């Protein structure tokens, strides 16, 4: 359960940082 929660948070952070730091802009 903890692993899934950690993954979910990681994905959320990626979605928020990816567009700002990646070529998805």
N, C-alpha and C. Protein backbone atom coordinates (compact mmCIF):
# COMPACT_ATOMS: atom_id res chain seq x y z
N UNK A 1 0.84 -1.20 0.00
CA UNK A 1 0.00 0.00 0.00
C UNK A 1 0.88 1.25 0.00
N UNK A 2 1.89 1.23 0.85
CA UNK A 2 2.79 2.40 0.92
C UNK A 2 3.48 2.61 -0.42
N UNK A 3 3.85 1.49 -1.05
CA UNK A 3 4.56 1.57 -2.34
C UNK A 3 3.66 2.24 -3.38
N UNK A 4 2.39 1.85 -3.39
CA UNK A 4 1.46 2.41 -4.37
C UNK A 4 1.28 3.91 -4.09
N UNK A 5 1.15 4.26 -2.82
CA UNK A 5 0.97 5.67 -2.47
C UNK A 5 2.17 6.49 -2.94
N UNK A 6 3.35 5.92 -2.73
CA UNK A 6 4.58 6.61 -3.13
C UNK A 6 4.59 6.80 -4.64
N UNK A 7 4.18 5.75 -5.35
CA UNK A 7 4.18 5.82 -6.82
C UNK A 7 3.18 6.89 -7.28
N UNK A 8 2.02 6.91 -6.66
CA UNK A 8 0.99 7.87 -7.05
C UNK A 8 1.52 9.29 -6.88
N UNK A 9 2.20 9.52 -5.75
CA UNK A 9 2.75 10.86 -5.50
C UNK A 9 3.82 11.20 -6.53
N UNK A 10 4.63 10.20 -6.86
CA UNK A 10 5.70 10.42 -7.84
C UNK A 10 5.11 10.80 -9.19
N UNK A 11 4.07 10.08 -9.59
CA UNK A 11 3.43 10.36 -10.88
C UNK A 11 2.85 11.77 -10.87
N UNK A 12 2.21 12.14 -9.76
CA UNK A 12 1.62 13.48 -9.67
C UNK A 12 2.69 14.55 -9.82
N UNK A 13 3.81 14.35 -9.14
CA UNK A 13 4.91 15.33 -9.23
C UNK A 13 5.44 15.40 -10.65
N UNK A 14 5.53 14.24 -11.29
CA UNK A 14 6.05 14.20 -12.66
C UNK A 14 5.12 14.98 -13.58
N UNK A 15 3.82 14.80 -13.39
CA UNK A 15 2.85 15.49 -14.24
C UNK A 15 2.92 17.00 -14.05
N UNK A 16 3.32 17.41 -12.85
CA UNK A 16 3.37 18.85 -12.56
C UNK A 16 4.70 19.45 -13.01
N UNK A 17 5.78 18.65 -12.90
CA UNK A 17 7.10 19.17 -13.25
C UNK A 17 7.43 18.93 -14.72
N UNK A 18 6.95 17.82 -15.26
CA UNK A 18 7.27 17.46 -16.65
C UNK A 18 6.91 18.60 -17.62
N UNK A 19 5.70 19.11 -17.59
CA UNK A 19 5.31 20.17 -18.54
C UNK A 19 6.11 21.46 -18.35
N UNK A 20 6.63 21.67 -17.15
CA UNK A 20 7.39 22.91 -16.89
C UNK A 20 8.85 22.75 -17.26
N UNK A 21 9.35 21.50 -17.22
CA UNK A 21 10.77 21.27 -17.46
C UNK A 21 10.99 20.47 -18.74
N UNK A 22 9.92 19.87 -19.25
CA UNK A 22 10.07 19.02 -20.44
C UNK A 22 9.62 19.73 -21.71
N UNK A 23 9.70 19.03 -22.83
CA UNK A 23 9.32 19.60 -24.12
C UNK A 23 7.83 19.50 -24.37
N UNK A 24 7.07 19.23 -23.32
CA UNK A 24 5.60 19.09 -23.48
C UNK A 24 4.94 20.45 -23.44
N UNK A 25 5.74 21.49 -23.26
CA UNK A 25 5.16 22.82 -23.11
C UNK A 25 4.37 23.14 -24.38
